[in-house]
PDB file of N, CA and C in Angstrom:
ATOM      1  N   UNK A   1      92.021 104.955 115.198  1.00  0.00           N
ATOM      2  CA  UNK A   1      92.145 105.162 114.188  1.00  0.00           C
ATOM      3  C   UNK A   1      91.358 103.687 113.516  1.00  0.00           C
ATOM      4  N   UNK A   2      91.215 104.464 112.236  1.00  0.00           N
ATOM      5  CA  UNK A   2      90.595 103.100 111.476  1.00  0.00           C
ATOM      6  C   UNK A   2      91.595 102.110 110.682  1.00  0.00           C
ATOM      7  N   UNK A   3      90.920 100.853 110.643  1.00  0.00           N
ATOM      8  CA  UNK A   3      91.988  99.953 110.670  1.00  0.00           C
ATOM      9  C   UNK A   3      92.091 100.132 108.874  1.00  0.00           C
ATOM     10  N   UNK A   4      93.235  99.496 108.303  1.00  0.00           N
ATOM     11  CA  UNK A   4      93.663  99.822 107.297  1.00  0.00           C
ATOM     12  C   UNK A   4      93.571  98.351 106.226  1.00  0.00           C
ATOM     13  N   UNK A   5      93.439  98.620 105.366  1.00  0.00           N
ATOM     14  CA  UNK A   5      93.537  97.386 104.366  1.00  0.00           C
ATOM     15  C   UNK A   5      95.078  97.270 104.112  1.00  0.00           C
ATOM     16  N   UNK A   6      95.700  95.981 103.303  1.00  0.00           N
ATOM     17  CA  UNK A   6      97.185  95.905 103.034  1.00  0.00           C
ATOM     18  C   UNK A   6      97.837  96.822 102.510  1.00  0.00           C
ATOM     19  N   UNK A   7      96.979  96.977 101.264  1.00  0.00           N
ATOM     20  CA  UNK A   7      97.333  97.975  99.971  1.00  0.00           C
ATOM     21  C   UNK A   7      97.634  99.633 100.830  1.00  0.00           C
ATOM     22  N   UNK A   8      96.939  99.692 101.652  1.00  0.00           N
ATOM     23  CA  UNK A   8      97.074 101.370 102.638  1.00  0.00           C
ATOM     24  C   UNK A   8      98.480 101.363 103.528  1.00  0.00           C
ATOM     25  N   UNK A   9      98.383 100.123 104.202  1.00  0.00           N
ATOM     26  CA  UNK A   9      99.351  99.850 105.264  1.00  0.00           C
ATOM     27  C   UNK A   9     100.555 100.124 104.301  1.00  0.00           C
ATOM     28  N   UNK A  10     100.587  98.882 103.477  1.00  0.00           N
ATOM     29  CA  UNK A  10     101.812  99.176 102.905  1.00  0.00           C
ATOM     30  C   UNK A  10     102.260  99.950 101.642  1.00  0.00           C
ATOM     31  N   UNK A  11     101.167 100.940 101.279  1.00  0.00           N
ATOM     32  CA  UNK A  11     101.064 102.289 100.300  1.00  0.00           C
ATOM     33  C   UNK A  11     102.001 101.422  98.938  1.00  0.00           C
ATOM     34  N   UNK A  12     101.457 100.339  98.625  1.00  0.00           N
ATOM     35  CA  UNK A  12     101.607  99.684  97.285  1.00  0.00           C
ATOM     36  C   UNK A  12     101.607 100.067  96.395  1.00  0.00           C
ATOM     37  N   UNK A  13     100.327 100.731  96.169  1.00  0.00           N
ATOM     38  CA  UNK A  13      99.378 101.171  94.891  1.00  0.00           C
ATOM     39  C   UNK A  13      98.867 100.577  94.018  1.00  0.00           C
ATOM     40  N   UNK A  14      98.809  99.365  94.793  1.00  0.00           N
ATOM     41  CA  UNK A  14      97.982  98.222  93.372  1.00  0.00           C
ATOM     42  C   UNK A  14      96.360  97.953  93.940  1.00  0.00           C
ATOM     43  N   UNK A  15      96.243  98.901  94.562  1.00  0.00           N
ATOM     44  CA  UNK A  15      94.440  99.014  94.778  1.00  0.00           C
ATOM     45  C   UNK A  15      93.671  99.401  93.367  1.00  0.00           C
ATOM     46  N   UNK A  16      92.454  98.907  93.133  1.00  0.00           N
ATOM     47  CA  UNK A  16      92.127  99.428  91.623  1.00  0.00           C
ATOM     48  C   UNK A  16      92.356 101.052  91.791  1.00  0.00           C
ATOM     49  N   UNK A  17      92.581 101.516  90.663  1.00  0.00           N
ATOM     50  CA  UNK A  17      92.639 103.094  90.471  1.00  0.00           C
ATOM     51  C   UNK A  17      93.970 103.735  91.003  1.00  0.00           C
ATOM     52  N   UNK A  18      94.589 102.831  91.883  1.00  0.00           N
ATOM     53  CA  UNK A  18      95.873 102.781  92.514  1.00  0.00           C
ATOM     54  C   UNK A  18      96.677 103.651  91.783  1.00  0.00           C
ATOM     55  N   UNK A  19      98.411 104.123  91.790  1.00  0.00           N
ATOM     56  CA  UNK A  19      99.138 104.662  91.336  1.00  0.00           C
ATOM     57  C   UNK A  19      99.991 103.442  90.278  1.00  0.00           C
ATOM     58  N   UNK A  20     100.138 102.467  91.227  1.00  0.00           N
ATOM     59  CA  UNK A  20     101.120 101.335  90.667  1.00  0.00           C
ATOM     60  C   UNK A  20      99.842 100.106  90.158  1.00  0.00           C
ATOM     61  N   UNK A  21      98.768 100.184  89.637  1.00  0.00           N
ATOM     62  CA  UNK A  21      97.688  99.274  89.138  1.00  0.00           C
ATOM     63  C   UNK A  21      97.993  98.847  87.890  1.00  0.00           C
ATOM     64  N   UNK A  22      98.541 100.234  87.233  1.00  0.00           N
ATOM     65  CA  UNK A  22      98.677  99.526  85.567  1.00  0.00           C
ATOM     66  C   UNK A  22     100.126  99.123  85.482  1.00  0.00           C
ATOM     67  N   UNK A  23     100.672  99.992  86.055  1.00  0.00           N
ATOM     68  CA  UNK A  23     102.153  99.268  85.571  1.00  0.00           C
ATOM     69  C   UNK A  23     102.378  97.662  86.367  1.00  0.00           C
ATOM     70  N   UNK A  24     102.078  97.288  87.886  1.00  0.00           N
ATOM     71  CA  UNK A  24     102.076  95.999  88.141  1.00  0.00           C
ATOM     72  C   UNK A  24     100.855  95.194  88.114  1.00  0.00           C
ATOM     73  N   UNK A  25      99.614  95.973  87.843  1.00  0.00           N
ATOM     74  CA  UNK A  25      98.556  95.313  88.214  1.00  0.00           C
ATOM     75  C   UNK A  25      97.918  94.889  89.401  1.00  0.00           C
ATOM     76  N   UNK A  26      96.490  94.968  89.102  1.00  0.00           N
ATOM     77  CA  UNK A  26      95.614  95.128  90.720  1.00  0.00           C
ATOM     78  C   UNK A  26      96.063  93.713  91.368  1.00  0.00           C
ATOM     79  N   UNK A  27      96.050  93.814  92.615  1.00  0.00           N
ATOM     80  CA  UNK A  27      96.603  93.264  93.575  1.00  0.00           C
ATOM     81  C   UNK A  27      95.320  92.392  93.728  1.00  0.00           C
ATOM     82  N   UNK A  28      95.341  91.041  94.219  1.00  0.00           N
ATOM     83  CA  UNK A  28      94.173  90.365  94.428  1.00  0.00           C
ATOM     84  C   UNK A  28      93.424  90.142  95.539  1.00  0.00           C
ATOM     85  N   UNK A  29      94.364  90.611  96.766  1.00  0.00           N
ATOM     86  CA  UNK A  29      93.618  90.887  97.473  1.00  0.00           C
ATOM     87  C   UNK A  29      92.637  92.271  97.878  1.00  0.00           C
ATOM     88  N   UNK A  30      92.928  93.198  96.650  1.00  0.00           N
ATOM     89  CA  UNK A  30      92.487  94.465  96.795  1.00  0.00           C
ATOM     90  C   UNK A  30      90.811  93.928  96.068  1.00  0.00           C
ATOM     91  N   UNK A  31      90.667  92.993  95.266  1.00  0.00           N
ATOM     92  CA  UNK A  31      89.654  92.863  94.506  1.00  0.00           C
ATOM     93  C   UNK A  31      89.009  91.129  94.721  1.00  0.00           C
ATOM     94  N   UNK A  32      88.979  90.339  95.830  1.00  0.00           N
ATOM     95  CA  UNK A  32      88.671  88.938  96.154  1.00  0.00           C
ATOM     96  C   UNK A  32      88.242  89.522  96.976  1.00  0.00           C
ATOM     97  N   UNK A  33      86.255  89.074  96.669  1.00  0.00           N
ATOM     98  CA  UNK A  33      85.125  89.168  97.204  1.00  0.00           C
ATOM     99  C   UNK A  33      84.982  88.120  98.328  1.00  0.00           C
ATOM    100  N   UNK A  34      85.678  87.032  98.083  1.00  0.00           N
ATOM    101  CA  UNK A  34      85.010  85.899  98.778  1.00  0.00           C
ATOM    102  C   UNK A  34      85.399  85.942 100.151  1.00  0.00           C
ATOM    103  N   UNK A  35      86.296  86.798 100.833  1.00  0.00           N
ATOM    104  CA  UNK A  35      86.845  86.998 102.192  1.00  0.00           C
ATOM    105  C   UNK A  35      86.571  88.303 102.427  1.00  0.00           C
ATOM    106  N   UNK A  36      85.537  88.984 101.597  1.00  0.00           N
ATOM    107  CA  UNK A  36      85.122  90.796 102.162  1.00  0.00           C
ATOM    108  C   UNK A  36      84.444  90.814 103.561  1.00  0.00           C
ATOM    109  N   UNK A  37      85.001  91.895 104.478  1.00  0.00           N
ATOM    110  CA  UNK A  37      84.708  92.131 105.566  1.00  0.00           C
ATOM    111  C   UNK A  37      86.062  91.255 106.640  1.00  0.00           C
ATOM    112  N   UNK A  38      86.358  90.322 106.429  1.00  0.00           N
ATOM    113  CA  UNK A  38      87.182  89.661 106.977  1.00  0.00           C
ATOM    114  C   UNK A  38      88.126  90.505 108.081  1.00  0.00           C
ATOM    115  N   UNK A  39      88.258  90.260 109.217  1.00  0.00           N
ATOM    116  CA  UNK A  39      89.329  91.222 109.839  1.00  0.00           C
ATOM    117  C   UNK A  39      88.792  92.955 109.982  1.00  0.00           C
ATOM    118  N   UNK A  40      87.316  93.343 109.491  1.00  0.00           N
ATOM    119  CA  UNK A  40      86.868  94.570 108.944  1.00  0.00           C
ATOM    120  C   UNK A  40      87.859  94.810 107.809  1.00  0.00           C
ATOM    121  N   UNK A  41      87.866  94.201 106.565  1.00  0.00           N
ATOM    122  CA  UNK A  41      88.651  94.763 105.404  1.00  0.00           C
ATOM    123  C   UNK A  41      87.840  94.519 104.580  1.00  0.00           C
ATOM    124  N   UNK A  42      88.179  95.749 103.343  1.00  0.00           N
ATOM    125  CA  UNK A  42      87.518  95.687 101.892  1.00  0.00           C
ATOM    126  C   UNK A  42      88.203  94.504 101.348  1.00  0.00           C
ATOM    127  N   UNK A  43      87.194  93.798 100.537  1.00  0.00           N
ATOM    128  CA  UNK A  43      87.915  92.663  99.756  1.00  0.00           C
ATOM    129  C   UNK A  43      88.459  91.743 101.075  1.00  0.00           C
ATOM    130  N   UNK A  44      89.826  91.432 100.612  1.00  0.00           N
ATOM    131  CA  UNK A  44      90.513  90.808 101.340  1.00  0.00           C
ATOM    132  C   UNK A  44      91.629  91.141 101.886  1.00  0.00           C
ATOM    133  N   UNK A  45      91.580  92.417 101.857  1.00  0.00           N
ATOM    134  CA  UNK A  45      92.716  93.557 102.376  1.00  0.00           C
ATOM    135  C   UNK A  45      92.927  93.625 103.993  1.00  0.00           C
ATOM    136  N   UNK A  46      92.315  92.875 104.488  1.00  0.00           N
ATOM    137  CA  UNK A  46      92.767  92.704 106.081  1.00  0.00           C
ATOM    138  C   UNK A  46      92.853  91.189 105.838  1.00  0.00           C
ATOM    139  N   UNK A  47      93.002  90.202 105.176  1.00  0.00           N
ATOM    140  CA  UNK A  47      93.088  89.032 105.315  1.00  0.00           C
ATOM    141  C   UNK A  47      94.026  88.511 104.049  1.00  0.00           C
ATOM    142  N   UNK A  48      94.779  89.578 103.878  1.00  0.00           N
ATOM    143  CA  UNK A  48      95.455  89.050 102.249  1.00  0.00           C
ATOM    144  C   UNK A  48      96.543  87.984 102.190  1.00  0.00           C
ATOM    145  N   UNK A  49      96.966  87.449 103.201  1.00  0.00           N
ATOM    146  CA  UNK A  49      97.689  85.903 103.621  1.00  0.00           C
ATOM    147  C   UNK A  49      97.099  84.749 102.808  1.00  0.00           C
ATOM    148  N   UNK A  50      95.772  84.733 103.250  1.00  0.00           N
ATOM    149  CA  UNK A  50      94.932  83.808 102.521  1.00  0.00           C
ATOM    150  C   UNK A  50      94.692  84.016 100.997  1.00  0.00           C
ATOM    151  N   UNK A  51      95.223  84.585 100.692  1.00  0.00           N
ATOM    152  CA  UNK A  51      94.898  84.911  98.833  1.00  0.00           C
ATOM    153  C   UNK A  51      96.196  84.574  98.348  1.00  0.00           C
ATOM    154  N   UNK A  52      96.130  83.520  97.305  1.00  0.00           N
ATOM    155  CA  UNK A  52      97.248  82.915  96.478  1.00  0.00           C
ATOM    156  C   UNK A  52      97.196  83.694  95.320  1.00  0.00           C
ATOM    157  N   UNK A  53      98.634  84.405  95.108  1.00  0.00           N
ATOM    158  CA  UNK A  53      98.583  85.551  94.142  1.00  0.00           C
ATOM    159  C   UNK A  53      98.409  86.660  94.573  1.00  0.00           C
ATOM    160  N   UNK A  54      98.263  86.600  95.778  1.00  0.00           N
ATOM    161  CA  UNK A  54      98.780  88.132  96.313  1.00  0.00           C
ATOM    162  C   UNK A  54     100.001  88.463  96.126  1.00  0.00           C
ATOM    163  N   UNK A  55     100.468  89.938  96.129  1.00  0.00           N
ATOM    164  CA  UNK A  55     102.382  90.034  96.195  1.00  0.00           C
ATOM    165  C   UNK A  55     102.159  90.697  97.139  1.00  0.00           C
ATOM    166  N   UNK A  56     103.624  91.097  97.505  1.00  0.00           N
ATOM    167  CA  UNK A  56     104.528  91.198  98.527  1.00  0.00           C
ATOM    168  C   UNK A  56     105.066  92.796  97.568  1.00  0.00           C
ATOM    169  N   UNK A  57     105.582  93.673  98.075  1.00  0.00           N
ATOM    170  CA  UNK A  57     106.099  94.778  97.319  1.00  0.00           C
ATOM    171  C   UNK A  57     107.207  94.281  96.132  1.00  0.00           C
ATOM    172  N   UNK A  58     107.747  93.273  96.777  1.00  0.00           N
ATOM    173  CA  UNK A  58     109.570  93.007  96.154  1.00  0.00           C
ATOM    174  C   UNK A  58     108.828  91.619  94.974  1.00  0.00           C
ATOM    175  N   UNK A  59     108.435  90.654  95.161  1.00  0.00           N
ATOM    176  CA  UNK A  59     108.129  89.556  94.016  1.00  0.00           C
ATOM    177  C   UNK A  59     106.678  89.354  94.450  1.00  0.00           C
ATOM    178  N   UNK A  60     106.467  88.336  93.285  1.00  0.00           N
ATOM    179  CA  UNK A  60     104.740  87.663  93.326  1.00  0.00           C
ATOM    180  C   UNK A  60     105.232  86.459  94.166  1.00  0.00           C
ATOM    181  N   UNK A  61     103.770  86.322  95.079  1.00  0.00           N
ATOM    182  CA  UNK A  61     103.666  84.808  95.628  1.00  0.00           C
ATOM    183  C   UNK A  61     102.503  84.052  95.018  1.00  0.00           C
ATOM    184  N   UNK A  62     103.105  82.883  95.020  1.00  0.00           N
ATOM    185  CA  UNK A  62     102.052  81.808  94.435  1.00  0.00           C
ATOM    186  C   UNK A  62     100.945  81.584  95.390  1.00  0.00           C
ATOM    187  N   UNK A  63     101.249  80.030  95.711  1.00  0.00           N
ATOM    188  CA  UNK A  63      99.933  79.196  96.399  1.00  0.00           C
ATOM    189  C   UNK A  63     100.389  79.751  97.752  1.00  0.00           C
ATOM    190  N   UNK A  64      99.364  79.227  98.599  1.00  0.00           N
ATOM    191  CA  UNK A  64      99.296  79.737  99.907  1.00  0.00           C
ATOM    192  C   UNK A  64     100.474  79.023 100.680  1.00  0.00           C
ATOM    193  N   UNK A  65     100.678  77.843 100.572  1.00  0.00           N
ATOM    194  CA  UNK A  65     101.861  77.308 101.493  1.00  0.00           C
ATOM    195  C   UNK A  65     103.340  77.780 100.983  1.00  0.00           C
ATOM    196  N   UNK A  66     103.451  78.227  99.984  1.00  0.00           N
ATOM    197  CA  UNK A  66     104.834  79.145  99.068  1.00  0.00           C
ATOM    198  C   UNK A  66     105.065  80.176 100.040  1.00  0.00           C
ATOM    199  N   UNK A  67     103.743  80.622 100.192  1.00  0.00           N
ATOM    200  CA  UNK A  67     103.763  82.240 100.883  1.00  0.00           C
ATOM    201  C   UNK A  67     103.680  82.608 102.180  1.00  0.00           C
ATOM    202  N   UNK A  68     103.644  81.414 103.026  1.00  0.00           N
ATOM    203  CA  UNK A  68     103.216  81.155 104.414  1.00  0.00           C
ATOM    204  C   UNK A  68     104.377  81.968 105.202  1.00  0.00           C
ATOM    205  N   UNK A  69     105.191  81.549 105.166  1.00  0.00           N
ATOM    206  CA  UNK A  69     106.400  81.684 105.584  1.00  0.00           C
ATOM    207  C   UNK A  69     106.670  83.344 105.707  1.00  0.00           C
ATOM    208  N   UNK A  70     106.556  84.092 104.346  1.00  0.00           N
ATOM    209  CA  UNK A  70     106.829  85.310 104.353  1.00  0.00           C
ATOM    210  C   UNK A  70     105.624  86.022 104.341  1.00  0.00           C
ATOM    211  N   UNK A  71     104.277  85.723 105.140  1.00  0.00           N
ATOM    212  CA  UNK A  71     103.139  86.390 105.563  1.00  0.00           C
ATOM    213  C   UNK A  71     103.519  86.351 106.744  1.00  0.00           C
ATOM    214  N   UNK A  72     103.696  85.300 107.314  1.00  0.00           N
ATOM    215  CA  UNK A  72     104.251  85.276 109.045  1.00  0.00           C
ATOM    216  C   UNK A  72     105.284  86.427 109.859  1.00  0.00           C
ATOM    217  N   UNK A  73     105.765  86.651 108.628  1.00  0.00           N
ATOM    218  CA  UNK A  73     106.916  87.718 109.061  1.00  0.00           C
ATOM    219  C   UNK A  73     106.995  89.136 108.342  1.00  0.00           C
ATOM    220  N   UNK A  74     105.590  88.906 107.796  1.00  0.00           N
ATOM    221  CA  UNK A  74     104.833  90.711 107.523  1.00  0.00           C
ATOM    222  C   UNK A  74     104.694  91.251 108.388  1.00  0.00           C
ATOM    223  N   UNK A  75     105.011  92.886 108.453  1.00  0.00           N
ATOM    224  CA  UNK A  75     104.586  93.555 109.373  1.00  0.00           C
ATOM    225  C   UNK A  75     103.164  93.585 109.546  1.00  0.00           C
ATOM    226  N   UNK A  76     102.366  94.019 108.578  1.00  0.00           N
ATOM    227  CA  UNK A  76     101.195  93.987 108.560  1.00  0.00           C
ATOM    228  C   UNK A  76     100.463  92.624 109.213  1.00  0.00           C
ATOM    229  N   UNK A  77     100.729  91.505 108.878  1.00  0.00           N
ATOM    230  CA  UNK A  77     100.104  90.434 109.425  1.00  0.00           C
ATOM    231  C   UNK A  77     100.024  90.657 110.769  1.00  0.00           C
ATOM    232  N   UNK A  78     101.354  90.833 111.510  1.00  0.00           N
ATOM    233  CA  UNK A  78     101.519  90.652 112.979  1.00  0.00           C
ATOM    234  C   UNK A  78     100.517  92.359 113.442  1.00  0.00           C
ATOM    235  N   UNK A  79     100.236  93.363 112.634  1.00  0.00           N
ATOM    236  CA  UNK A  79      99.719  94.741 113.128  1.00  0.00           C
ATOM    237  C   UNK A  79      98.372  93.731 113.158  1.00  0.00           C
ATOM    238  N   UNK A  80      97.763  93.211 111.798  1.00  0.00           N
ATOM    239  CA  UNK A  80      96.292  92.893 112.291  1.00  0.00           C
ATOM    240  C   UNK A  80      96.320  91.947 113.278  1.00  0.00           C
ATOM    241  N   UNK A  81      96.932  90.709 113.140  1.00  0.00           N
ATOM    242  CA  UNK A  81      97.011  89.676 114.125  1.00  0.00           C
ATOM    243  C   UNK A  81      96.713  90.205 115.970  1.00  0.00           C
ATOM    244  N   UNK A  82      97.329  91.197 115.972  1.00  0.00           N
ATOM    245  CA  UNK A  82      97.637  91.839 117.591  1.00  0.00           C
ATOM    246  C   UNK A  82      96.077  93.132 117.488  1.00  0.00           C
ATOM    247  N   UNK A  83      95.764  93.209 116.613  1.00  0.00           N
ATOM    248  CA  UNK A  83      94.432  94.247 116.744  1.00  0.00           C
ATOM    249  C   UNK A  83      93.415  93.715 116.871  1.00  0.00           C
ATOM    250  N   UNK A  84      93.064  91.915 115.889  1.00  0.00           N
ATOM    251  CA  UNK A  84      91.874  91.112 115.788  1.00  0.00           C
ATOM    252  C   UNK A  84      91.807  90.616 117.350  1.00  0.00           C
ATOM    253  N   UNK A  85      93.433  90.392 118.164  1.00  0.00           N
ATOM    254  CA  UNK A  85      92.881  89.929 119.833  1.00  0.00           C
ATOM    255  C   UNK A  85      92.584  90.629 120.830  1.00  0.00           C
ATOM    256  N   UNK A  86      92.568  92.386 120.263  1.00  0.00           N
ATOM    257  CA  UNK A  86      92.062  93.323 121.502  1.00  0.00           C
ATOM    258  C   UNK A  86      90.520  92.837 121.778  1.00  0.00           C
TER     259      UNK A  86
END
């Protein structure tokens, strides 16, 4: 199975051209090129927890320290961590 980016896994629709991008905005993880390729993802799609301003489906998360606990509990974070340990 191919590695998924966060927007594919979460089906949030906030990637460029996604069905929710016009309504909710494009997620920073889907466009931030500074971490492109990390964990095999497109843009920061497989390291979204390091992107301040990225969003979970329910509400906006700001600075990294404020969102860390939420990200650690995220099912996508757990999947990526398990895959990268293999």
